[in-house]
Amino acid sequence: MFATPSTYDEDFKLELKELRIALHEKLFCELYTAWTKLLSEYVSEIKEYVTPCKLKSLSNIV
């Protein structure tokens, strides 16, 4: 039994769809990882600036 050109075409389309899904998943994972790393760095920088300000303002009250 030989595959017809339409079967090849359907197999090719399915393979492309699977590759596209895999690529999107990989890109999403990489973007998510980069975004969370950037966000955690940003939050840690904010903590560095905010914490001393709070301590200074509390020491002025006491």
PDB file of N, CA and C in Angstrom:
ATOM      1  N   MET A   1       0.853  -1.182   0.000  1.00  0.00           N
ATOM      2  CA  MET A   1       0.000   0.000   0.000  1.00  0.00           C
ATOM      3  C   MET A   1       0.896   1.242   0.000  1.00  0.00           C
ATOM      4  N   PHE A   2       0.674   2.087  -0.959  1.00  0.00           N
ATOM      5  CA  PHE A   2       1.479   3.289  -1.108  1.00  0.00           C
ATOM      6  C   PHE A   2       0.714   4.501  -0.604  1.00  0.00           C
ATOM      7  N   ALA A   3       1.455   5.432  -0.046  1.00  0.00           N
ATOM      8  CA  ALA A   3       0.831   6.673   0.422  1.00  0.00           C
ATOM      9  C   ALA A   3       0.574   7.583  -0.774  1.00  0.00           C
ATOM     10  N   THR A   4      -0.554   8.196  -0.763  1.00  0.00           N
ATOM     11  CA  THR A   4      -0.903   9.119  -1.844  1.00  0.00           C
ATOM     12  C   THR A   4      -0.322  10.499  -1.536  1.00  0.00           C
ATOM     13  N   PRO A   5      -0.195  11.345  -2.544  1.00  0.00           N
ATOM     14  CA  PRO A   5       0.305  12.705  -2.282  1.00  0.00           C
ATOM     15  C   PRO A   5      -0.522  13.449  -1.242  1.00  0.00           C
ATOM     16  N   SER A   6      -1.829  13.204  -1.220  1.00  0.00           N
ATOM     17  CA  SER A   6      -2.656  13.888  -0.221  1.00  0.00           C
ATOM     18  C   SER A   6      -2.322  13.404   1.183  1.00  0.00           C
ATOM     19  N   THR A   7      -1.958  12.123   1.314  1.00  0.00           N
ATOM     20  CA  THR A   7      -1.559  11.601   2.623  1.00  0.00           C
ATOM     21  C   THR A   7      -0.260  12.264   3.068  1.00  0.00           C
ATOM     22  N   TYR A   8       0.679  12.391   2.130  1.00  0.00           N
ATOM     23  CA  TYR A   8       1.923  13.087   2.454  1.00  0.00           C
ATOM     24  C   TYR A   8       1.640  14.520   2.891  1.00  0.00           C
ATOM     25  N   ASP A   9       0.749  15.162   2.180  1.00  0.00           N
ATOM     26  CA  ASP A   9       0.392  16.546   2.485  1.00  0.00           C
ATOM     27  C   ASP A   9      -0.216  16.654   3.880  1.00  0.00           C
ATOM     28  N   GLU A  10      -1.128  15.742   4.207  1.00  0.00           N
ATOM     29  CA  GLU A  10      -1.756  15.765   5.535  1.00  0.00           C
ATOM     30  C   GLU A  10      -0.735  15.467   6.626  1.00  0.00           C
ATOM     31  N   ASP A  11       0.142  14.487   6.386  1.00  0.00           N
ATOM     32  CA  ASP A  11       1.192  14.171   7.364  1.00  0.00           C
ATOM     33  C   ASP A  11       2.118  15.367   7.567  1.00  0.00           C
ATOM     34  N   PHE A  12       2.469  16.020   6.472  1.00  0.00           N
ATOM     35  CA  PHE A  12       3.341  17.188   6.537  1.00  0.00           C
ATOM     36  C   PHE A  12       2.675  18.316   7.320  1.00  0.00           C
ATOM     37  N   LYS A  13       1.388  18.553   7.061  1.00  0.00           N
ATOM     38  CA  LYS A  13       0.656  19.594   7.784  1.00  0.00           C
ATOM     39  C   LYS A  13       0.584  19.272   9.270  1.00  0.00           C
ATOM     40  N   LEU A  14       0.345  18.000   9.597  1.00  0.00           N
ATOM     41  CA  LEU A  14       0.279  17.594  11.003  1.00  0.00           C
ATOM     42  C   LEU A  14       1.637  17.776  11.677  1.00  0.00           C
ATOM     43  N   GLU A  15       2.695  17.389  10.973  1.00  0.00           N
ATOM     44  CA  GLU A  15       4.040  17.542  11.533  1.00  0.00           C
ATOM     45  C   GLU A  15       4.376  19.018  11.742  1.00  0.00           C
ATOM     46  N   LEU A  16       4.020  19.855  10.777  1.00  0.00           N
ATOM     47  CA  LEU A  16       4.246  21.290  10.935  1.00  0.00           C
ATOM     48  C   LEU A  16       3.476  21.844  12.121  1.00  0.00           C
ATOM     49  N   LYS A  17       2.245  21.394  12.285  1.00  0.00           N
ATOM     50  CA  LYS A  17       1.424  21.861  13.409  1.00  0.00           C
ATOM     51  C   LYS A  17       2.062  21.455  14.733  1.00  0.00           C
ATOM     52  N   GLU A  18       2.538  20.209  14.823  1.00  0.00           N
ATOM     53  CA  GLU A  18       3.183  19.736  16.048  1.00  0.00           C
ATOM     54  C   GLU A  18       4.470  20.518  16.324  1.00  0.00           C
ATOM     55  N   LEU A  19       5.242  20.786  15.273  1.00  0.00           N
ATOM     56  CA  LEU A  19       6.470  21.570  15.447  1.00  0.00           C
ATOM     57  C   LEU A  19       6.157  22.989  15.892  1.00  0.00           C
ATOM     58  N   ARG A  20       5.112  23.562  15.321  1.00  0.00           N
ATOM     59  CA  ARG A  20       4.715  24.923  15.691  1.00  0.00           C
ATOM     60  C   ARG A  20       4.294  24.968  17.160  1.00  0.00           C
ATOM     61  N   ILE A  21       3.525  23.981  17.600  1.00  0.00           N
ATOM     62  CA  ILE A  21       3.091  23.928  18.999  1.00  0.00           C
ATOM     63  C   ILE A  21       4.306  23.776  19.915  1.00  0.00           C
ATOM     64  N   ALA A  22       5.225  22.887  19.553  1.00  0.00           N
ATOM     65  CA  ALA A  22       6.427  22.681  20.370  1.00  0.00           C
ATOM     66  C   ALA A  22       7.263  23.955  20.438  1.00  0.00           C
ATOM     67  N   LEU A  23       7.379  24.644  19.312  1.00  0.00           N
ATOM     68  CA  LEU A  23       8.143  25.892  19.288  1.00  0.00           C
ATOM     69  C   LEU A  23       7.488  26.945  20.166  1.00  0.00           C
ATOM     70  N   HIS A  24       6.172  27.069  20.077  1.00  0.00           N
ATOM     71  CA  HIS A  24       5.466  28.041  20.910  1.00  0.00           C
ATOM     72  C   HIS A  24       5.619  27.712  22.392  1.00  0.00           C
ATOM     73  N   GLU A  25       5.543  26.423  22.747  1.00  0.00           N
ATOM     74  CA  GLU A  25       5.729  26.031  24.146  1.00  0.00           C
ATOM     75  C   GLU A  25       7.135  26.389  24.620  1.00  0.00           C
ATOM     76  N   LYS A  26       8.135  26.110  23.795  1.00  0.00           N
ATOM     77  CA  LYS A  26       9.522  26.418  24.174  1.00  0.00           C
ATOM     78  C   LYS A  26       9.722  27.923  24.312  1.00  0.00           C
ATOM     79  N   LEU A  27       9.216  28.683  23.355  1.00  0.00           N
ATOM     80  CA  LEU A  27       9.343  30.138  23.431  1.00  0.00           C
ATOM     81  C   LEU A  27       8.632  30.687  24.655  1.00  0.00           C
ATOM     82  N   PHE A  28       7.439  30.160  24.951  1.00  0.00           N
ATOM     83  CA  PHE A  28       6.708  30.616  26.125  1.00  0.00           C
ATOM     84  C   PHE A  28       7.502  30.324  27.389  1.00  0.00           C
ATOM     85  N   CYS A  29       8.067  29.127  27.485  1.00  0.00           N
ATOM     86  CA  CYS A  29       8.856  28.770  28.671  1.00  0.00           C
ATOM     87  C   CYS A  29      10.068  29.685  28.823  1.00  0.00           C
ATOM     88  N   GLU A  30      10.752  29.963  27.710  1.00  0.00           N
ATOM     89  CA  GLU A  30      11.923  30.841  27.779  1.00  0.00           C
ATOM     90  C   GLU A  30      11.525  32.267  28.148  1.00  0.00           C
ATOM     91  N   LEU A  31      10.442  32.753  27.557  1.00  0.00           N
ATOM     92  CA  LEU A  31       9.977  34.100  27.894  1.00  0.00           C
ATOM     93  C   LEU A  31       9.524  34.179  29.343  1.00  0.00           C
ATOM     94  N   TYR A  32       8.817  33.149  29.810  1.00  0.00           N
ATOM     95  CA  TYR A  32       8.348  33.126  31.193  1.00  0.00           C
ATOM     96  C   TYR A  32       9.534  33.121  32.155  1.00  0.00           C
ATOM     97  N   THR A  33      10.542  32.310  31.858  1.00  0.00           N
ATOM     98  CA  THR A  33      11.733  32.240  32.707  1.00  0.00           C
ATOM     99  C   THR A  33      12.454  33.584  32.738  1.00  0.00           C
ATOM    100  N   ALA A  34      12.633  34.184  31.573  1.00  0.00           N
ATOM    101  CA  ALA A  34      13.311  35.484  31.512  1.00  0.00           C
ATOM    102  C   ALA A  34      12.498  36.553  32.244  1.00  0.00           C
ATOM    103  N   TRP A  35      11.184  36.534  32.063  1.00  0.00           N
ATOM    104  CA  TRP A  35      10.309  37.522  32.694  1.00  0.00           C
ATOM    105  C   TRP A  35      10.344  37.381  34.213  1.00  0.00           C
ATOM    106  N   THR A  36      10.251  36.159  34.728  1.00  0.00           N
ATOM    107  CA  THR A  36      10.265  35.979  36.180  1.00  0.00           C
ATOM    108  C   THR A  36      11.618  36.358  36.766  1.00  0.00           C
ATOM    109  N   LYS A  37      12.704  36.065  36.043  1.00  0.00           N
ATOM    110  CA  LYS A  37      14.037  36.456  36.518  1.00  0.00           C
ATOM    111  C   LYS A  37      14.145  37.977  36.573  1.00  0.00           C
ATOM    112  N   LEU A  38      13.705  38.637  35.518  1.00  0.00           N
ATOM    113  CA  LEU A  38      13.739  40.093  35.472  1.00  0.00           C
ATOM    114  C   LEU A  38      12.859  40.690  36.564  1.00  0.00           C
ATOM    115  N   LEU A  39      11.689  40.126  36.750  1.00  0.00           N
ATOM    116  CA  LEU A  39      10.769  40.616  37.771  1.00  0.00           C
ATOM    117  C   LEU A  39      11.346  40.434  39.168  1.00  0.00           C
ATOM    118  N   SER A  40      11.974  39.289  39.438  1.00  0.00           N
ATOM    119  CA  SER A  40      12.556  39.071  40.765  1.00  0.00           C
ATOM    120  C   SER A  40      13.716  40.031  41.020  1.00  0.00           C
ATOM    121  N   GLU A  41      14.510  40.321  39.976  1.00  0.00           N
ATOM    122  CA  GLU A  41      15.592  41.300  40.135  1.00  0.00           C
ATOM    123  C   GLU A  41      15.017  42.684  40.415  1.00  0.00           C
ATOM    124  N   TYR A  42      13.956  43.028  39.727  1.00  0.00           N
ATOM    125  CA  TYR A  42      13.314  44.326  39.907  1.00  0.00           C
ATOM    126  C   TYR A  42      12.741  44.446  41.316  1.00  0.00           C
ATOM    127  N   VAL A  43      12.091  43.385  41.782  1.00  0.00           N
ATOM    128  CA  VAL A  43      11.509  43.401  43.127  1.00  0.00           C
ATOM    129  C   VAL A  43      12.605  43.507  44.178  1.00  0.00           C
ATOM    130  N   SER A  44      13.710  42.801  43.983  1.00  0.00           N
ATOM    131  CA  SER A  44      14.797  42.886  44.965  1.00  0.00           C
ATOM    132  C   SER A  44      15.398  44.290  44.985  1.00  0.00           C
ATOM    133  N   GLU A  45      15.469  44.948  43.825  1.00  0.00           N
ATOM    134  CA  GLU A  45      15.959  46.330  43.801  1.00  0.00           C
ATOM    135  C   GLU A  45      14.995  47.259  44.525  1.00  0.00           C
ATOM    136  N   ILE A  46      13.715  47.046  44.328  1.00  0.00           N
ATOM    137  CA  ILE A  46      12.717  47.875  45.020  1.00  0.00           C
ATOM    138  C   ILE A  46      12.853  47.683  46.527  1.00  0.00           C
ATOM    139  N   LYS A  47      13.038  46.444  46.967  1.00  0.00           N
ATOM    140  CA  LYS A  47      13.193  46.177  48.401  1.00  0.00           C
ATOM    141  C   LYS A  47      14.408  46.907  48.961  1.00  0.00           C
ATOM    142  N   GLU A  48      15.496  46.959  48.189  1.00  0.00           N
ATOM    143  CA  GLU A  48      16.698  47.656  48.652  1.00  0.00           C
ATOM    144  C   GLU A  48      16.427  49.137  48.882  1.00  0.00           C
ATOM    145  N   TYR A  49      15.623  49.737  48.021  1.00  0.00           N
ATOM    146  CA  TYR A  49      15.342  51.169  48.146  1.00  0.00           C
ATOM    147  C   TYR A  49      14.238  51.452  49.147  1.00  0.00           C
ATOM    148  N   VAL A  50      13.249  50.604  49.215  1.00  0.00           N
ATOM    149  CA  VAL A  50      12.098  50.855  50.077  1.00  0.00           C
ATOM    150  C   VAL A  50      12.429  50.585  51.540  1.00  0.00           C
ATOM    151  N   THR A  51      13.130  49.512  51.829  1.00  0.00           N
ATOM    152  CA  THR A  51      13.409  49.142  53.212  1.00  0.00           C
ATOM    153  C   THR A  51      14.180  50.231  53.963  1.00  0.00           C
ATOM    154  N   PRO A  52      15.259  50.787  53.426  1.00  0.00           N
ATOM    155  CA  PRO A  52      15.942  51.864  54.156  1.00  0.00           C
ATOM    156  C   PRO A  52      15.045  53.078  54.386  1.00  0.00           C
ATOM    157  N   CYS A  53      14.186  53.398  53.434  1.00  0.00           N
ATOM    158  CA  CYS A  53      13.281  54.540  53.608  1.00  0.00           C
ATOM    159  C   CYS A  53      12.328  54.296  54.772  1.00  0.00           C
ATOM    160  N   LYS A  54      11.808  53.086  54.873  1.00  0.00           N
ATOM    161  CA  LYS A  54      10.892  52.767  55.967  1.00  0.00           C
ATOM    162  C   LYS A  54      11.621  52.836  57.300  1.00  0.00           C
ATOM    163  N   LEU A  55      12.841  52.316  57.320  1.00  0.00           N
ATOM    164  CA  LEU A  55      13.600  52.342  58.566  1.00  0.00           C
ATOM    165  C   LEU A  55      13.906  53.774  58.986  1.00  0.00           C
ATOM    166  N   LYS A  56      14.248  54.624  58.051  1.00  0.00           N
ATOM    167  CA  LYS A  56      14.529  56.023  58.373  1.00  0.00           C
ATOM    168  C   LYS A  56      13.282  56.717  58.892  1.00  0.00           C
ATOM    169  N   SER A  57      12.156  56.474  58.250  1.00  0.00           N
ATOM    170  CA  SER A  57      10.931  57.148  58.681  1.00  0.00           C
ATOM    171  C   SER A  57      10.491  56.647  60.055  1.00  0.00           C
ATOM    172  N   LEU A  58      10.688  55.375  60.343  1.00  0.00           N
ATOM    173  CA  LEU A  58      10.328  54.852  61.659  1.00  0.00           C
ATOM    174  C   LEU A  58      11.260  55.398  62.735  1.00  0.00           C
ATOM    175  N   SER A  59      12.538  55.563  62.421  1.00  0.00           N
ATOM    176  CA  SER A  59      13.471  56.087  63.422  1.00  0.00           C
ATOM    177  C   SER A  59      13.171  57.553  63.727  1.00  0.00           C
ATOM    178  N   ASN A  60      12.630  58.288  62.786  1.00  0.00           N
ATOM    179  CA  ASN A  60      12.252  59.681  63.031  1.00  0.00           C
ATOM    180  C   ASN A  60      11.051  59.770  63.966  1.00  0.00           C
ATOM    181  N   ILE A  61      10.158  58.799  63.890  1.00  0.00           N
ATOM    182  CA  ILE A  61       8.963  58.812  64.741  1.00  0.00           C
ATOM    183  C   ILE A  61       9.339  58.494  66.180  1.00  0.00           C
ATOM    184  N   VAL A  62      10.209  57.532  66.367  1.00  0.00           N
ATOM    185  CA  VAL A  62      10.615  57.099  67.703  1.00  0.00           C
ATOM    186  C   VAL A  62      11.605  58.081  68.210  1.00  0.00           C
TER     187      VAL A  62
END
